[in-house]
Amino acid sequence: MTAVALGPADLVLCSGTLPRGIPFLDRLDAASGAGFGAISLWGRDYRGARHEGYSDADLRSMVEDHGLAVAELDPAWWWTPGARDVHIPPEVDPVDVFRYDEDELLRIAELFGARSINAADVLGGDWSREEGAAGFADLCDRAAERGLLVHLEWLAWSNVPDLGAALEIVLLADRPNGGLNIDMWHCARTGTTTDELRGLPGHLVLAIQIDDGPAAAEDDLVDATLHHRRLPGEGDFDLLGYLRALKDAGSCAPVGVEVFSDDLHALGSGAAARLAADATRQLLGMVDGERSS
């Protein structure tokens, strides 16, 4: 399949906004029912669908029949120095990240005609930015063979801990299909300013993920980001400022809503998708209104 082209008018329902382990058809029904144009997938979502008995051809047809595209596959973890030599057994991999290596995740992305893959440092280490850039460049080159973009997401607890580090790696790698994923939760928790976002080269912003949270950082950031995010508008993040700054920077990236939340998941997939869509559209409408006034 040819990789899909998505832009700022396309709303993406990120995998983590829905309860984990739901049937693949429920995921698609929730996304299309709430008016999303695209979804993101983790490797575990694909594997779960195959275990339900669907073939690859079935899954492609199901996505297309729902009027959806696959925006991205998440997460690429093996690109950092030394990561390929690390073996994490399933019993200590509660979020099912490490069982999907480069060949499998890129194959899944190509299967669905996905636009991109999302890269993050989930192992840490003391490698240099130059070493990280070499690994990111190699990932971009392998993804380019399949027509995929690659966006790098920073995590406060990683060796790519903030926007400055992520941007340096992307610039050093200097790949035409490489750029940044701007996740509002990580912006807020790493003190990213609107001026920093406004100063970005717009073409390097390849993905935007919206979510919200309290002004004060949680004691356990990893637990908070995986279980206690809030819907846009239900927290204290400067979402309007972030989005306005990215628009000023010239970003043409699609907008995803990624709300890992146990409380939201408890409502079921359909309700979670509708609430996420409504909150995100309301926020984006405010940004557009401010721009036109």
Protein backbone atom coordinates (compact mmCIF):
# COMPACT_ATOMS: atom_id res chain seq x y z
CA MET A 1 0.00 0.00 0.00
CA THR A 2 1.08 3.57 -0.63
CA ALA A 3 1.69 5.64 2.51
CA VAL A 4 -1.19 7.96 3.31
CA ALA A 5 -0.83 11.74 3.16
CA LEU A 6 -2.30 13.57 6.16
CA GLY A 7 -2.36 17.26 7.06
CA PRO A 8 -3.51 19.69 9.76
CA ALA A 9 -7.20 19.15 8.95
CA ASP A 10 -6.91 15.42 9.70
CA LEU A 11 -7.76 14.32 13.23
CA VAL A 12 -6.01 11.19 14.50
CA LEU A 13 -7.31 8.93 17.27
CA CYS A 14 -4.17 7.66 18.97
CA SER A 15 -4.16 4.07 20.17
CA GLY A 16 -3.68 4.95 23.84
CA THR A 17 -6.90 6.97 24.01
CA LEU A 18 -8.88 3.73 23.77
CA PRO A 19 -8.85 0.85 26.26
CA ARG A 20 -6.08 -1.63 25.68
CA GLY A 21 -6.93 -5.03 24.26
CA ILE A 22 -10.30 -4.14 22.72
CA PRO A 23 -11.38 -5.98 19.55
CA PHE A 24 -9.96 -4.44 16.40
CA LEU A 25 -13.44 -3.84 14.99
CA ASP A 26 -14.42 -1.92 18.15
CA ARG A 27 -11.37 0.29 17.67
CA LEU A 28 -12.38 1.11 14.11
CA ASP A 29 -16.06 1.60 14.98
CA ALA A 30 -15.12 4.01 17.77
CA ALA A 31 -12.82 6.05 15.54
CA SER A 32 -15.16 6.31 12.58
CA GLY A 33 -18.20 6.86 14.79
CA ALA A 34 -16.52 9.88 16.41
CA GLY A 35 -15.52 11.32 13.04
CA PHE A 36 -11.79 10.68 13.14
CA GLY A 37 -10.04 10.42 9.79
CA ALA A 38 -7.12 8.31 10.99
CA ILE A 39 -5.85 6.16 13.83
CA SER A 40 -2.50 5.25 15.27
CA LEU A 41 -1.58 1.68 16.13
CA TRP A 42 0.86 -0.06 18.41
CA GLY A 43 2.35 -3.37 17.42
CA ARG A 44 0.23 -5.02 20.11
CA ASP A 45 -2.96 -3.78 18.41
CA TYR A 46 -1.98 -5.54 15.19
CA ARG A 47 -0.98 -8.73 16.97
CA GLY A 48 -4.24 -8.76 18.90
CA ALA A 49 -6.21 -8.41 15.66
CA ARG A 50 -4.32 -11.29 14.09
CA HIS A 51 -5.07 -13.41 17.16
CA GLU A 52 -8.74 -12.65 16.56
CA GLY A 53 -8.38 -14.53 13.30
CA TYR A 54 -8.10 -11.69 10.78
CA SER A 55 -5.62 -11.87 7.92
CA ASP A 56 -3.50 -8.94 6.80
CA ALA A 57 -5.84 -8.46 3.84
CA ASP A 58 -8.83 -8.47 6.20
CA LEU A 59 -7.27 -5.77 8.37
CA ARG A 60 -6.45 -3.52 5.42
CA SER A 61 -9.98 -3.84 4.11
CA MET A 62 -11.52 -3.18 7.53
CA VAL A 63 -9.58 0.06 7.93
CA GLU A 64 -10.50 1.23 4.44
CA ASP A 65 -14.16 0.22 4.81
CA HIS A 66 -14.41 2.44 7.88
CA GLY A 67 -13.08 5.39 5.92
CA LEU A 68 -9.95 5.52 8.02
CA ALA A 69 -6.21 5.73 7.45
CA VAL A 70 -3.38 4.58 9.72
CA ALA A 71 -1.38 7.65 10.63
CA GLU A 72 1.48 6.04 12.53
CA LEU A 73 2.93 2.97 14.22
CA ASP A 74 4.25 3.34 17.75
CA PRO A 75 6.86 3.00 19.22
CA ALA A 76 10.21 2.49 17.49
CA TRP A 77 12.64 1.76 20.33
CA TRP A 78 15.56 -0.14 18.76
CA TRP A 79 17.28 2.86 17.11
CA THR A 80 19.27 4.10 20.11
CA PRO A 81 22.91 2.98 20.55
CA GLY A 82 23.11 -0.53 21.95
CA ALA A 83 19.34 -1.09 21.92
CA ARG A 84 19.41 -3.83 19.29
CA ASP A 85 21.46 -6.00 21.65
CA VAL A 86 18.98 -5.69 24.52
CA HIS A 87 16.52 -8.50 25.20
CA ILE A 88 13.51 -7.69 27.37
CA PRO A 89 11.45 -10.80 28.23
CA PRO A 90 7.65 -10.44 27.96
CA GLU A 91 7.12 -10.80 31.71
CA VAL A 92 8.95 -7.51 32.32
CA ASP A 93 7.42 -5.75 29.31
CA PRO A 94 3.96 -4.81 30.65
CA VAL A 95 3.14 -2.42 27.81
CA ASP A 96 4.26 -4.81 25.05
CA VAL A 97 6.89 -2.58 23.47
CA PHE A 98 9.99 -4.73 23.09
CA ARG A 99 8.51 -7.77 21.34
CA TYR A 100 8.12 -5.70 18.14
CA ASP A 101 11.47 -5.21 16.47
CA GLU A 102 12.34 -3.06 13.49
CA ASP A 103 11.44 -5.57 10.80
CA GLU A 104 8.03 -6.32 12.28
CA LEU A 105 6.97 -2.75 13.07
CA LEU A 106 8.09 -1.44 9.69
CA ARG A 107 6.32 -4.33 7.99
CA ILE A 108 3.08 -3.51 9.84
CA ALA A 109 3.40 0.16 8.92
CA GLU A 110 3.92 -0.71 5.27
CA LEU A 111 1.03 -3.17 5.35
CA PHE A 112 -1.43 -0.45 6.38
CA GLY A 113 0.09 2.25 4.19
CA ALA A 114 0.87 4.23 7.35
CA ARG A 115 2.24 7.74 7.10
CA SER A 116 4.92 7.43 9.78
CA ILE A 117 6.46 5.67 12.74
CA ASN A 118 7.07 7.25 16.12
CA ALA A 119 10.53 6.93 17.68
CA ALA A 120 11.44 7.38 21.34
CA ASP A 121 14.28 6.49 23.68
CA VAL A 122 12.81 4.01 26.14
CA LEU A 123 16.05 2.44 27.38
CA GLY A 124 18.15 5.47 28.32
CA GLY A 125 21.92 5.32 28.47
CA ASP A 126 24.87 7.68 28.32
CA TRP A 127 25.29 7.84 24.56
CA SER A 128 26.03 11.19 22.97
CA ARG A 129 23.74 13.26 20.75
CA GLU A 130 25.99 12.46 17.83
CA GLU A 131 25.62 8.73 18.49
CA GLY A 132 21.88 9.13 18.86
CA ALA A 133 21.71 11.06 15.60
CA ALA A 134 23.54 8.26 13.79
CA GLY A 135 20.99 5.76 15.06
CA PHE A 136 18.09 8.02 14.15
CA ALA A 137 19.51 8.58 10.67
CA ASP A 138 19.76 4.83 10.15
CA LEU A 139 16.14 4.40 11.25
CA CYS A 140 15.03 7.14 8.87
CA ASP A 141 16.88 5.50 5.99
CA ARG A 142 15.25 2.13 6.64
CA ALA A 143 11.83 3.74 6.97
CA ALA A 144 12.35 5.72 3.75
CA GLU A 145 12.68 2.45 1.85
CA ARG A 146 9.02 1.89 2.75
CA GLY A 147 7.90 5.47 2.12
CA LEU A 148 7.57 6.28 5.84
CA LEU A 149 8.26 9.41 7.84
CA VAL A 150 9.88 9.15 11.28
CA HIS A 151 9.13 11.54 14.14
CA LEU A 152 11.11 11.65 17.37
CA GLU A 153 9.28 12.09 20.69
CA TRP A 154 11.18 13.21 23.77
CA LEU A 155 10.56 11.75 27.24
CA ALA A 156 11.62 13.55 30.41
CA TRP A 157 13.13 10.41 31.97
CA SER A 158 15.11 9.38 28.88
CA ASN A 159 18.38 10.34 27.23
CA VAL A 160 16.28 12.53 24.91
CA PRO A 161 14.79 14.52 27.79
CA ASP A 162 13.52 17.68 26.13
CA LEU A 163 12.79 19.51 22.90
CA GLY A 164 16.35 20.80 22.60
CA ALA A 165 17.82 17.30 22.68
CA ALA A 166 15.27 15.93 20.21
CA LEU A 167 15.79 18.82 17.82
CA GLU A 168 19.57 18.45 17.95
CA ILE A 169 19.34 14.76 17.08
CA VAL A 170 16.96 15.44 14.19
CA LEU A 171 19.15 18.23 12.83
CA LEU A 172 22.34 16.19 13.14
CA ALA A 173 20.69 13.22 11.43
CA ASP A 174 19.58 15.54 8.61
CA ARG A 175 17.18 13.15 6.91
CA PRO A 176 14.36 14.43 4.66
CA ASN A 177 11.86 12.04 6.26
CA GLY A 178 12.92 12.77 9.86
CA GLY A 179 11.35 15.24 12.26
CA LEU A 180 9.64 15.77 15.61
CA ASN A 181 6.55 14.58 17.45
CA ILE A 182 5.21 17.37 19.67
CA ASP A 183 3.27 15.77 22.52
CA MET A 184 1.65 18.37 24.79
CA TRP A 185 2.09 16.21 27.89
CA HIS A 186 5.85 16.06 27.38
CA CYS A 187 5.93 19.76 26.53
CA ALA A 188 4.31 20.60 29.86
CA ARG A 189 6.36 18.20 31.91
CA THR A 190 9.70 19.36 30.47
CA GLY A 191 9.02 23.10 30.59
CA THR A 192 8.83 23.61 26.83
CA THR A 193 7.92 27.22 26.08
CA THR A 194 5.69 28.60 23.36
CA ASP A 195 8.65 30.63 22.10
CA GLU A 196 10.65 27.42 21.62
CA LEU A 197 7.81 25.88 19.63
CA ARG A 198 7.29 29.04 17.59
CA GLY A 199 10.98 29.02 16.68
CA LEU A 200 10.94 25.52 15.24
CA PRO A 201 11.30 24.96 11.50
CA GLY A 202 7.71 24.13 10.67
CA HIS A 203 8.60 21.36 8.24
CA LEU A 204 10.27 19.42 11.03
CA VAL A 205 7.03 19.14 13.02
CA LEU A 206 5.68 15.86 11.65
CA ALA A 207 3.15 14.94 14.36
CA ILE A 208 1.22 16.69 17.13
CA GLN A 209 -0.41 14.89 20.05
CA ILE A 210 -2.88 16.70 22.31
CA ASP A 211 -3.65 15.83 25.92
CA ASP A 212 -3.92 17.69 29.22
CA GLY A 213 -2.97 17.47 32.85
CA PRO A 214 -2.53 19.37 36.12
CA ALA A 215 -0.10 22.26 36.35
CA ALA A 216 1.99 20.56 39.04
CA ALA A 217 4.02 17.58 37.88
CA GLU A 218 3.04 14.22 39.28
CA ASP A 219 5.38 12.34 41.61
CA ASP A 220 5.63 9.40 39.19
CA LEU A 221 5.78 10.74 35.65
CA VAL A 222 5.80 7.35 33.95
CA ASP A 223 2.69 6.21 35.82
CA ALA A 224 0.98 9.53 35.16
CA THR A 225 1.67 9.56 31.44
CA LEU A 226 0.38 5.98 31.00
CA HIS A 227 -2.67 6.14 33.28
CA HIS A 228 -3.72 9.64 34.30
CA ARG A 229 -3.69 12.03 31.38
CA ARG A 230 -6.72 14.26 30.93
CA LEU A 231 -8.84 15.23 27.95
CA PRO A 232 -7.98 18.54 26.27
CA GLY A 233 -9.50 21.37 28.29
CA GLU A 234 -9.79 19.36 31.51
CA GLY A 235 -6.34 20.32 32.79
CA ASP A 236 -4.02 23.27 33.13
CA PHE A 237 -1.66 22.92 30.14
CA ASP A 238 -1.32 25.94 27.85
CA LEU A 239 -2.76 24.02 24.93
CA LEU A 240 -3.95 27.13 23.10
CA GLY A 241 -0.51 28.66 23.41
CA TYR A 242 1.23 25.50 22.22
CA LEU A 243 -1.04 25.07 19.22
CA ARG A 244 -0.91 28.73 18.28
CA ALA A 245 2.89 28.64 18.42
CA LEU A 246 3.05 25.55 16.20
CA LYS A 247 0.73 27.18 13.71
CA ASP A 248 2.93 30.28 13.69
CA ALA A 249 5.93 28.01 13.05
CA GLY A 250 4.23 26.77 9.90
CA SER A 251 3.46 23.22 11.02
CA CYS A 252 1.34 21.21 8.60
CA ALA A 253 1.25 18.08 10.79
CA PRO A 254 -1.92 16.10 11.51
CA VAL A 255 -3.28 16.46 15.02
CA GLY A 256 -3.70 13.40 17.22
CA VAL A 257 -5.38 13.09 20.59
CA GLU A 258 -3.49 10.78 22.95
CA VAL A 259 -5.09 10.49 26.37
CA PHE A 260 -3.82 7.50 28.31
CA SER A 261 -6.38 7.53 31.12
CA ASP A 262 -7.76 4.72 33.23
CA ASP A 263 -10.85 6.81 33.98
CA LEU A 264 -11.50 7.51 30.30
CA HIS A 265 -10.91 3.87 29.32
CA ALA A 266 -13.46 2.75 31.92
CA LEU A 267 -16.17 4.50 29.88
CA GLY A 268 -15.64 2.16 26.93
CA SER A 269 -14.17 2.67 23.48
CA GLY A 270 -17.10 4.50 21.87
CA ALA A 271 -17.52 7.02 24.68
CA ALA A 272 -13.76 7.57 24.98
CA ALA A 273 -13.45 8.33 21.26
CA ARG A 274 -16.44 10.69 21.24
CA LEU A 275 -15.25 12.64 24.27
CA ALA A 276 -11.73 12.89 22.84
CA ALA A 277 -13.01 14.07 19.47
CA ASP A 278 -15.36 16.66 20.96
CA ALA A 279 -12.72 18.09 23.30
CA THR A 280 -10.10 18.27 20.56
CA ARG A 281 -12.41 19.89 18.01
CA GLN A 282 -13.48 22.48 20.55
CA LEU A 283 -9.85 23.32 21.27
CA LEU A 284 -8.87 23.50 17.59
CA GLY A 285 -11.91 25.69 16.91
CA MET A 286 -10.70 28.14 19.55
CA VAL A 287 -7.26 28.27 17.92
CA ASP A 288 -8.79 28.92 14.49
CA GLY A 289 -11.09 31.55 15.98
CA GLU A 290 -8.21 33.40 17.59
CA ARG A 291 -6.30 33.36 14.34
CA SER A 292 -9.19 34.85 12.38
CA SER A 293 -10.17 37.54 14.91
